[in-house]
Amino acid sequence: MSAPNVDKPNEGIVGQVTNSVSNAANYVSDTIQGKGAEASKEANKEQAKGNAGDTSVSGRTTGALDAASDKITQSKHEGAAKANKEGI
């Protein structure tokens, strides 16, 4: 998760292009990581519902906690991706 590079007024065209390329790469990376966290969240939600094989209370609780953690991770990556996209 990388913050976008902010264009500086005196960095020149090469610096601006470098920042744009860096922001584009970070956008792609954060988007992929956000999608991975989303997939993990959905799998953990199924576990929390008891639909993923482990129907014990501890297994369902773990699934719910993991889903919540994945949602936080997903939100962080989506926010970083949005910031990087705006910095391109």
PDB file of N, CA and C in Angstrom:
ATOM      1  N   MET A   1       0.843  -1.158   0.000  1.00  0.00           N
ATOM      2  CA  MET A   1       0.000   0.000   0.000  1.00  0.00           C
ATOM      3  C   MET A   1       0.892   1.224   0.000  1.00  0.00           C
ATOM      4  N   SER A   2       0.913   1.957  -1.089  1.00  0.00           N
ATOM      5  CA  SER A   2       1.786   3.102  -1.207  1.00  0.00           C
ATOM      6  C   SER A   2       0.967   4.359  -1.441  1.00  0.00           C
ATOM      7  N   ALA A   3       1.378   5.408  -0.795  1.00  0.00           N
ATOM      8  CA  ALA A   3       0.742   6.701  -1.022  1.00  0.00           C
ATOM      9  C   ALA A   3       1.189   7.214  -2.378  1.00  0.00           C
ATOM     10  N   PRO A   4       0.330   7.976  -3.034  1.00  0.00           N
ATOM     11  CA  PRO A   4       0.711   8.490  -4.343  1.00  0.00           C
ATOM     12  C   PRO A   4       1.847   9.487  -4.220  1.00  0.00           C
ATOM     13  N   ASN A   5       2.646   9.542  -5.261  1.00  0.00           N
ATOM     14  CA  ASN A   5       3.698  10.550  -5.328  1.00  0.00           C
ATOM     15  C   ASN A   5       3.064  11.866  -5.729  1.00  0.00           C
ATOM     16  N   VAL A   6       3.316  12.892  -4.952  1.00  0.00           N
ATOM     17  CA  VAL A   6       2.743  14.204  -5.240  1.00  0.00           C
ATOM     18  C   VAL A   6       3.695  14.943  -6.159  1.00  0.00           C
ATOM     19  N   ASP A   7       3.143  15.455  -7.240  1.00  0.00           N
ATOM     20  CA  ASP A   7       3.962  16.203  -8.186  1.00  0.00           C
ATOM     21  C   ASP A   7       4.479  17.466  -7.516  1.00  0.00           C
ATOM     22  N   LYS A   8       5.762  17.715  -7.665  1.00  0.00           N
ATOM     23  CA  LYS A   8       6.397  18.921  -7.129  1.00  0.00           C
ATOM     24  C   LYS A   8       6.515  19.917  -8.276  1.00  0.00           C
ATOM     25  N   PRO A   9       6.356  21.198  -8.002  1.00  0.00           N
ATOM     26  CA  PRO A   9       6.335  22.174  -9.097  1.00  0.00           C
ATOM     27  C   PRO A   9       7.615  22.242  -9.915  1.00  0.00           C
ATOM     28  N   ASN A  10       8.760  21.916  -9.326  1.00  0.00           N
ATOM     29  CA  ASN A  10      10.024  22.067 -10.051  1.00  0.00           C
ATOM     30  C   ASN A  10      10.673  20.745 -10.432  1.00  0.00           C
ATOM     31  N   GLU A  11       9.942  19.675 -10.532  1.00  0.00           N
ATOM     32  CA  GLU A  11      10.591  18.388 -10.785  1.00  0.00           C
ATOM     33  C   GLU A  11      10.765  18.072 -12.264  1.00  0.00           C
ATOM     34  N   GLY A  12      10.149  18.800 -13.135  1.00  0.00           N
ATOM     35  CA  GLY A  12      10.326  18.602 -14.568  1.00  0.00           C
ATOM     36  C   GLY A  12       9.481  17.471 -15.113  1.00  0.00           C
ATOM     37  N   ILE A  13       9.504  17.347 -16.416  1.00  0.00           N
ATOM     38  CA  ILE A  13       8.648  16.379 -17.116  1.00  0.00           C
ATOM     39  C   ILE A  13       9.052  14.947 -16.813  1.00  0.00           C
ATOM     40  N   VAL A  14      10.347  14.681 -16.692  1.00  0.00           N
ATOM     41  CA  VAL A  14      10.810  13.324 -16.410  1.00  0.00           C
ATOM     42  C   VAL A  14      10.336  12.888 -15.029  1.00  0.00           C
ATOM     43  N   GLY A  15      10.425  13.777 -14.061  1.00  0.00           N
ATOM     44  CA  GLY A  15       9.957  13.470 -12.715  1.00  0.00           C
ATOM     45  C   GLY A  15       8.456  13.223 -12.684  1.00  0.00           C
ATOM     46  N   GLN A  16       7.724  14.009 -13.442  1.00  0.00           N
ATOM     47  CA  GLN A  16       6.270  13.838 -13.503  1.00  0.00           C
ATOM     48  C   GLN A  16       5.903  12.500 -14.140  1.00  0.00           C
ATOM     49  N   VAL A  17       6.597  12.148 -15.203  1.00  0.00           N
ATOM     50  CA  VAL A  17       6.354  10.863 -15.875  1.00  0.00           C
ATOM     51  C   VAL A  17       6.702   9.715 -14.934  1.00  0.00           C
ATOM     52  N   THR A  18       7.827   9.840 -14.238  1.00  0.00           N
ATOM     53  CA  THR A  18       8.240   8.804 -13.287  1.00  0.00           C
ATOM     54  C   THR A  18       7.192   8.640 -12.192  1.00  0.00           C
ATOM     55  N   ASN A  19       6.699   9.760 -11.664  1.00  0.00           N
ATOM     56  CA  ASN A  19       5.654   9.688 -10.643  1.00  0.00           C
ATOM     57  C   ASN A  19       4.388   9.036 -11.184  1.00  0.00           C
ATOM     58  N   SER A  20       4.007   9.380 -12.397  1.00  0.00           N
ATOM     59  CA  SER A  20       2.798   8.799 -12.989  1.00  0.00           C
ATOM     60  C   SER A  20       2.944   7.293 -13.173  1.00  0.00           C
ATOM     61  N   VAL A  21       4.111   6.868 -13.642  1.00  0.00           N
ATOM     62  CA  VAL A  21       4.350   5.437 -13.833  1.00  0.00           C
ATOM     63  C   VAL A  21       4.329   4.725 -12.482  1.00  0.00           C
ATOM     64  N   SER A  22       4.958   5.314 -11.487  1.00  0.00           N
ATOM     65  CA  SER A  22       4.978   4.737 -10.149  1.00  0.00           C
ATOM     66  C   SER A  22       3.562   4.652  -9.577  1.00  0.00           C
ATOM     67  N   ASN A  23       2.795   5.716  -9.726  1.00  0.00           N
ATOM     68  CA  ASN A  23       1.415   5.714  -9.235  1.00  0.00           C
ATOM     69  C   ASN A  23       0.570   4.670  -9.962  1.00  0.00           C
ATOM     70  N   ALA A  24       0.789   4.513 -11.257  1.00  0.00           N
ATOM     71  CA  ALA A  24       0.039   3.513 -12.019  1.00  0.00           C
ATOM     72  C   ALA A  24       0.367   2.106 -11.523  1.00  0.00           C
ATOM     73  N   ALA A  25       1.644   1.840 -11.282  1.00  0.00           N
ATOM     74  CA  ALA A  25       2.048   0.524 -10.777  1.00  0.00           C
ATOM     75  C   ALA A  25       1.465   0.275  -9.387  1.00  0.00           C
ATOM     76  N   ASN A  26       1.505   1.290  -8.540  1.00  0.00           N
ATOM     77  CA  ASN A  26       0.934   1.141  -7.198  1.00  0.00           C
ATOM     78  C   ASN A  26      -0.579   0.949  -7.254  1.00  0.00           C
ATOM     79  N   TYR A  27      -1.237   1.621  -8.193  1.00  0.00           N
ATOM     80  CA  TYR A  27      -2.684   1.456  -8.373  1.00  0.00           C
ATOM     81  C   TYR A  27      -3.019   0.004  -8.725  1.00  0.00           C
ATOM     82  N   VAL A  28      -2.281  -0.554  -9.669  1.00  0.00           N
ATOM     83  CA  VAL A  28      -2.512  -1.939 -10.079  1.00  0.00           C
ATOM     84  C   VAL A  28      -2.264  -2.885  -8.909  1.00  0.00           C
ATOM     85  N   SER A  29      -1.169  -2.684  -8.206  1.00  0.00           N
ATOM     86  CA  SER A  29      -0.822  -3.533  -7.064  1.00  0.00           C
ATOM     87  C   SER A  29      -1.897  -3.479  -5.978  1.00  0.00           C
ATOM     88  N   ASP A  30      -2.327  -2.266  -5.616  1.00  0.00           N
ATOM     89  CA  ASP A  30      -3.342  -2.129  -4.573  1.00  0.00           C
ATOM     90  C   ASP A  30      -4.690  -2.678  -5.022  1.00  0.00           C
ATOM     91  N   THR A  31      -5.003  -2.534  -6.295  1.00  0.00           N
ATOM     92  CA  THR A  31      -6.265  -3.083  -6.806  1.00  0.00           C
ATOM     93  C   THR A  31      -6.264  -4.611  -6.700  1.00  0.00           C
ATOM     94  N   ILE A  32      -5.157  -5.223  -7.094  1.00  0.00           N
ATOM     95  CA  ILE A  32      -5.053  -6.687  -7.017  1.00  0.00           C
ATOM     96  C   ILE A  32      -5.123  -7.156  -5.566  1.00  0.00           C
ATOM     97  N   GLN A  33      -4.389  -6.482  -4.691  1.00  0.00           N
ATOM     98  CA  GLN A  33      -4.398  -6.868  -3.281  1.00  0.00           C
ATOM     99  C   GLN A  33      -5.787  -6.673  -2.664  1.00  0.00           C
ATOM    100  N   GLY A  34      -6.483  -5.622  -3.072  1.00  0.00           N
ATOM    101  CA  GLY A  34      -7.847  -5.391  -2.588  1.00  0.00           C
ATOM    102  C   GLY A  34      -8.796  -6.493  -3.040  1.00  0.00           C
ATOM    103  N   LYS A  35      -8.642  -6.929  -4.283  1.00  0.00           N
ATOM    104  CA  LYS A  35      -9.481  -8.021  -4.800  1.00  0.00           C
ATOM    105  C   LYS A  35      -9.186  -9.329  -4.068  1.00  0.00           C
ATOM    106  N   GLY A  36      -7.915  -9.566  -3.745  1.00  0.00           N
ATOM    107  CA  GLY A  36      -7.542 -10.758  -2.986  1.00  0.00           C
ATOM    108  C   GLY A  36      -8.160 -10.744  -1.598  1.00  0.00           C
ATOM    109  N   ALA A  37      -8.127  -9.585  -0.952  1.00  0.00           N
ATOM    110  CA  ALA A  37      -8.740  -9.458   0.375  1.00  0.00           C
ATOM    111  C   ALA A  37     -10.249  -9.642   0.295  1.00  0.00           C
ATOM    112  N   GLU A  38     -10.849  -9.161  -0.782  1.00  0.00           N
ATOM    113  CA  GLU A  38     -12.301  -9.326  -0.966  1.00  0.00           C
ATOM    114  C   GLU A  38     -12.668 -10.804  -1.117  1.00  0.00           C
ATOM    115  N   ALA A  39     -11.887 -11.536  -1.889  1.00  0.00           N
ATOM    116  CA  ALA A  39     -12.140 -12.964  -2.076  1.00  0.00           C
ATOM    117  C   ALA A  39     -11.987 -13.713  -0.755  1.00  0.00           C
ATOM    118  N   SER A  40     -10.947 -13.373  -0.004  1.00  0.00           N
ATOM    119  CA  SER A  40     -10.729 -14.004   1.297  1.00  0.00           C
ATOM    120  C   SER A  40     -11.875 -13.682   2.249  1.00  0.00           C
ATOM    121  N   LYS A  41     -12.335 -12.439   2.214  1.00  0.00           N
ATOM    122  CA  LYS A  41     -13.456 -12.017   3.061  1.00  0.00           C
ATOM    123  C   LYS A  41     -14.694 -12.852   2.759  1.00  0.00           C
ATOM    124  N   GLU A  42     -14.987 -13.042   1.486  1.00  0.00           N
ATOM    125  CA  GLU A  42     -16.178 -13.812   1.104  1.00  0.00           C
ATOM    126  C   GLU A  42     -16.063 -15.267   1.563  1.00  0.00           C
ATOM    127  N   ALA A  43     -14.885 -15.846   1.435  1.00  0.00           N
ATOM    128  CA  ALA A  43     -14.678 -17.222   1.902  1.00  0.00           C
ATOM    129  C   ALA A  43     -14.855 -17.307   3.408  1.00  0.00           C
ATOM    130  N   ASN A  44     -14.336 -16.324   4.125  1.00  0.00           N
ATOM    131  CA  ASN A  44     -14.477 -16.321   5.577  1.00  0.00           C
ATOM    132  C   ASN A  44     -15.915 -16.066   6.011  1.00  0.00           C
ATOM    133  N   LYS A  45     -16.656 -15.300   5.233  1.00  0.00           N
ATOM    134  CA  LYS A  45     -18.079 -15.106   5.542  1.00  0.00           C
ATOM    135  C   LYS A  45     -18.836 -16.432   5.432  1.00  0.00           C
ATOM    136  N   GLU A  46     -18.485 -17.221   4.424  1.00  0.00           N
ATOM    137  CA  GLU A  46     -19.119 -18.531   4.276  1.00  0.00           C
ATOM    138  C   GLU A  46     -18.774 -19.434   5.460  1.00  0.00           C
ATOM    139  N   GLN A  47     -17.522 -19.366   5.908  1.00  0.00           N
ATOM    140  CA  GLN A  47     -17.113 -20.143   7.080  1.00  0.00           C
ATOM    141  C   GLN A  47     -17.901 -19.679   8.309  1.00  0.00           C
ATOM    142  N   ALA A  48     -18.090 -18.376   8.449  1.00  0.00           N
ATOM    143  CA  ALA A  48     -18.830 -17.834   9.589  1.00  0.00           C
ATOM    144  C   ALA A  48     -20.284 -18.296   9.572  1.00  0.00           C
ATOM    145  N   LYS A  49     -20.817 -18.507   8.377  1.00  0.00           N
ATOM    146  CA  LYS A  49     -22.195 -18.998   8.242  1.00  0.00           C
ATOM    147  C   LYS A  49     -22.288 -20.502   8.463  1.00  0.00           C
ATOM    148  N   GLY A  50     -21.134 -21.164   8.525  1.00  0.00           N
ATOM    149  CA  GLY A  50     -21.122 -22.615   8.698  1.00  0.00           C
ATOM    150  C   GLY A  50     -21.215 -23.368   7.393  1.00  0.00           C
ATOM    151  N   ASN A  51     -20.951 -22.696   6.286  1.00  0.00           N
ATOM    152  CA  ASN A  51     -21.060 -23.302   4.957  1.00  0.00           C
ATOM    153  C   ASN A  51     -19.720 -23.786   4.391  1.00  0.00           C
ATOM    154  N   ALA A  52     -18.654 -23.730   5.190  1.00  0.00           N
ATOM    155  CA  ALA A  52     -17.336 -24.046   4.650  1.00  0.00           C
ATOM    156  C   ALA A  52     -16.720 -25.276   5.305  1.00  0.00           C
ATOM    157  N   GLY A  53     -17.522 -26.148   5.807  1.00  0.00           N
ATOM    158  CA  GLY A  53     -16.994 -27.385   6.379  1.00  0.00           C
ATOM    159  C   GLY A  53     -16.854 -27.356   7.884  1.00  0.00           C
ATOM    160  N   ASP A  54     -16.272 -26.293   8.433  1.00  0.00           N
ATOM    161  CA  ASP A  54     -16.059 -26.198   9.878  1.00  0.00           C
ATOM    162  C   ASP A  54     -17.273 -25.508  10.496  1.00  0.00           C
ATOM    163  N   THR A  55     -18.170 -26.295  11.066  1.00  0.00           N
ATOM    164  CA  THR A  55     -19.395 -25.738  11.628  1.00  0.00           C
ATOM    165  C   THR A  55     -19.311 -25.544  13.137  1.00  0.00           C
ATOM    166  N   SER A  56     -18.131 -25.759  13.728  1.00  0.00           N
ATOM    167  CA  SER A  56     -17.987 -25.553  15.168  1.00  0.00           C
ATOM    168  C   SER A  56     -18.105 -24.061  15.484  1.00  0.00           C
ATOM    169  N   VAL A  57     -18.432 -23.769  16.724  1.00  0.00           N
ATOM    170  CA  VAL A  57     -18.560 -22.378  17.144  1.00  0.00           C
ATOM    171  C   VAL A  57     -17.232 -21.647  16.967  1.00  0.00           C
ATOM    172  N   SER A  58     -16.132 -22.294  17.345  1.00  0.00           N
ATOM    173  CA  SER A  58     -14.833 -21.633  17.208  1.00  0.00           C
ATOM    174  C   SER A  58     -14.480 -21.424  15.736  1.00  0.00           C
ATOM    175  N   GLY A  59     -14.799 -22.370  14.886  1.00  0.00           N
ATOM    176  CA  GLY A  59     -14.533 -22.223  13.456  1.00  0.00           C
ATOM    177  C   GLY A  59     -15.345 -21.101  12.843  1.00  0.00           C
ATOM    178  N   ARG A  60     -16.599 -21.001  13.253  1.00  0.00           N
ATOM    179  CA  ARG A  60     -17.466 -19.941  12.732  1.00  0.00           C
ATOM    180  C   ARG A  60     -17.030 -18.576  13.253  1.00  0.00           C
ATOM    181  N   THR A  61     -16.605 -18.535  14.521  1.00  0.00           N
ATOM    182  CA  THR A  61     -16.133 -17.280  15.104  1.00  0.00           C
ATOM    183  C   THR A  61     -14.860 -16.816  14.407  1.00  0.00           C
ATOM    184  N   THR A  62     -13.959 -17.760  14.189  1.00  0.00           N
ATOM    185  CA  THR A  62     -12.719 -17.429  13.477  1.00  0.00           C
ATOM    186  C   THR A  62     -13.032 -16.883  12.086  1.00  0.00           C
ATOM    187  N   GLY A  63     -13.966 -17.508  11.396  1.00  0.00           N
ATOM    188  CA  GLY A  63     -14.366 -17.032  10.069  1.00  0.00           C
ATOM    189  C   GLY A  63     -14.897 -15.615  10.111  1.00  0.00           C
ATOM    190  N   ALA A  64     -15.707 -15.314  11.128  1.00  0.00           N
ATOM    191  CA  ALA A  64     -16.274 -13.971  11.250  1.00  0.00           C
ATOM    192  C   ALA A  64     -15.187 -12.936  11.528  1.00  0.00           C
ATOM    193  N   LEU A  65     -14.274 -13.269  12.438  1.00  0.00           N
ATOM    194  CA  LEU A  65     -13.186 -12.338  12.758  1.00  0.00           C
ATOM    195  C   LEU A  65     -12.260 -12.135  11.560  1.00  0.00           C
ATOM    196  N   ASP A  66     -11.967 -13.221  10.858  1.00  0.00           N
ATOM    197  CA  ASP A  66     -11.110 -13.114   9.672  1.00  0.00           C
ATOM    198  C   ASP A  66     -11.791 -12.299   8.574  1.00  0.00           C
ATOM    199  N   ALA A  67     -13.102 -12.459   8.431  1.00  0.00           N
ATOM    200  CA  ALA A  67     -13.840 -11.682   7.428  1.00  0.00           C
ATOM    201  C   ALA A  67     -13.774 -10.195   7.757  1.00  0.00           C
ATOM    202  N   ALA A  68     -13.896  -9.860   9.041  1.00  0.00           N
ATOM    203  CA  ALA A  68     -13.811  -8.454   9.446  1.00  0.00           C
ATOM    204  C   ALA A  68     -12.422  -7.895   9.158  1.00  0.00           C
ATOM    205  N   SER A  69     -11.403  -8.673   9.456  1.00  0.00           N
ATOM    206  CA  SER A  69     -10.025  -8.247   9.194  1.00  0.00           C
ATOM    207  C   SER A  69      -9.799  -8.058   7.692  1.00  0.00           C
ATOM    208  N   ASP A  70     -10.320  -8.990   6.900  1.00  0.00           N
ATOM    209  CA  ASP A  70     -10.179  -8.894   5.445  1.00  0.00           C
ATOM    210  C   ASP A  70     -10.891  -7.657   4.905  1.00  0.00           C
ATOM    211  N   LYS A  71     -12.022  -7.301   5.498  1.00  0.00           N
ATOM    212  CA  LYS A  71     -12.764  -6.117   5.061  1.00  0.00           C
ATOM    213  C   LYS A  71     -11.937  -4.858   5.308  1.00  0.00           C
ATOM    214  N   ILE A  72     -11.260  -4.801   6.459  1.00  0.00           N
ATOM    215  CA  ILE A  72     -10.403  -3.655   6.758  1.00  0.00           C
ATOM    216  C   ILE A  72      -9.261  -3.581   5.745  1.00  0.00           C
ATOM    217  N   THR A  73      -8.639  -4.718   5.479  1.00  0.00           N
ATOM    218  CA  THR A  73      -7.540  -4.773   4.511  1.00  0.00           C
ATOM    219  C   THR A  73      -8.029  -4.354   3.126  1.00  0.00           C
ATOM    220  N   GLN A  74      -9.188  -4.858   2.743  1.00  0.00           N
ATOM    221  CA  GLN A  74      -9.763  -4.512   1.447  1.00  0.00           C
ATOM    222  C   GLN A  74      -9.989  -3.004   1.351  1.00  0.00           C
ATOM    223  N   SER A  75     -10.550  -2.409   2.395  1.00  0.00           N
ATOM    224  CA  SER A  75     -10.819  -0.970   2.389  1.00  0.00           C
ATOM    225  C   SER A  75      -9.536  -0.154   2.288  1.00  0.00           C
ATOM    226  N   LYS A  76      -8.490  -0.585   2.993  1.00  0.00           N
ATOM    227  CA  LYS A  76      -7.206   0.124   2.927  1.00  0.00           C
ATOM    228  C   LYS A  76      -6.652   0.092   1.507  1.00  0.00           C
ATOM    229  N   HIS A  77      -6.672  -1.078   0.886  1.00  0.00           N
ATOM    230  CA  HIS A  77      -6.127  -1.191  -0.465  1.00  0.00           C
ATOM    231  C   HIS A  77      -6.971  -0.434  -1.479  1.00  0.00           C
ATOM    232  N   GLU A  78      -8.287  -0.458  -1.324  1.00  0.00           N
ATOM    233  CA  GLU A  78      -9.143   0.286  -2.240  1.00  0.00           C
ATOM    234  C   GLU A  78      -8.909   1.788  -2.109  1.00  0.00           C
ATOM    235  N   GLY A  79      -8.723   2.259  -0.879  1.00  0.00           N
ATOM    236  CA  GLY A  79      -8.432   3.668  -0.660  1.00  0.00           C
ATOM    237  C   GLY A  79      -7.092   4.071  -1.263  1.00  0.00           C
ATOM    238  N   ALA A  80      -6.079   3.228  -1.072  1.00  0.00           N
ATOM    239  CA  ALA A  80      -4.760   3.515  -1.637  1.00  0.00           C
ATOM    240  C   ALA A  80      -4.816   3.492  -3.162  1.00  0.00           C
ATOM    241  N   ALA A  81      -5.559   2.539  -3.724  1.00  0.00           N
ATOM    242  CA  ALA A  81      -5.681   2.449  -5.183  1.00  0.00           C
ATOM    243  C   ALA A  81      -6.349   3.705  -5.730  1.00  0.00           C
ATOM    244  N   LYS A  82      -7.379   4.167  -5.042  1.00  0.00           N
ATOM    245  CA  LYS A  82      -8.076   5.381  -5.493  1.00  0.00           C
ATOM    246  C   LYS A  82      -7.144   6.587  -5.462  1.00  0.00           C
ATOM    247  N   ALA A  83      -6.366   6.702  -4.374  1.00  0.00           N
ATOM    248  CA  ALA A  83      -5.427   7.819  -4.258  1.00  0.00           C
ATOM    249  C   ALA A  83      -4.364   7.749  -5.351  1.00  0.00           C
ATOM    250  N   ASN A  84      -3.870   6.561  -5.625  1.00  0.00           N
ATOM    251  CA  ASN A  84      -2.855   6.412  -6.675  1.00  0.00           C
ATOM    252  C   ASN A  84      -3.436   6.688  -8.053  1.00  0.00           C
ATOM    253  N   LYS A  85      -4.674   6.286  -8.277  1.00  0.00           N
ATOM    254  CA  LYS A  85      -5.312   6.536  -9.567  1.00  0.00           C
ATOM    255  C   LYS A  85      -5.453   8.044  -9.807  1.00  0.00           C
ATOM    256  N   GLU A  86      -5.804   8.768  -8.743  1.00  0.00           N
ATOM    257  CA  GLU A  86      -5.944  10.216  -8.880  1.00  0.00           C
ATOM    258  C   GLU A  86      -4.601  10.905  -9.088  1.00  0.00           C
ATOM    259  N   GLY A  87      -3.509  10.235  -8.654  1.00  0.00           N
ATOM    260  CA  GLY A  87      -2.180  10.805  -8.810  1.00  0.00           C
ATOM    261  C   GLY A  87      -1.519  10.511 -10.137  1.00  0.00           C
ATOM    262  N   ILE A  88      -2.210   9.759 -11.001  1.00  0.00           N
ATOM    263  CA  ILE A  88      -1.620   9.397 -12.299  1.00  0.00           C
ATOM    264  C   ILE A  88      -1.667  10.594 -13.237  1.00  0.00           C
TER     265      ILE A  88
END
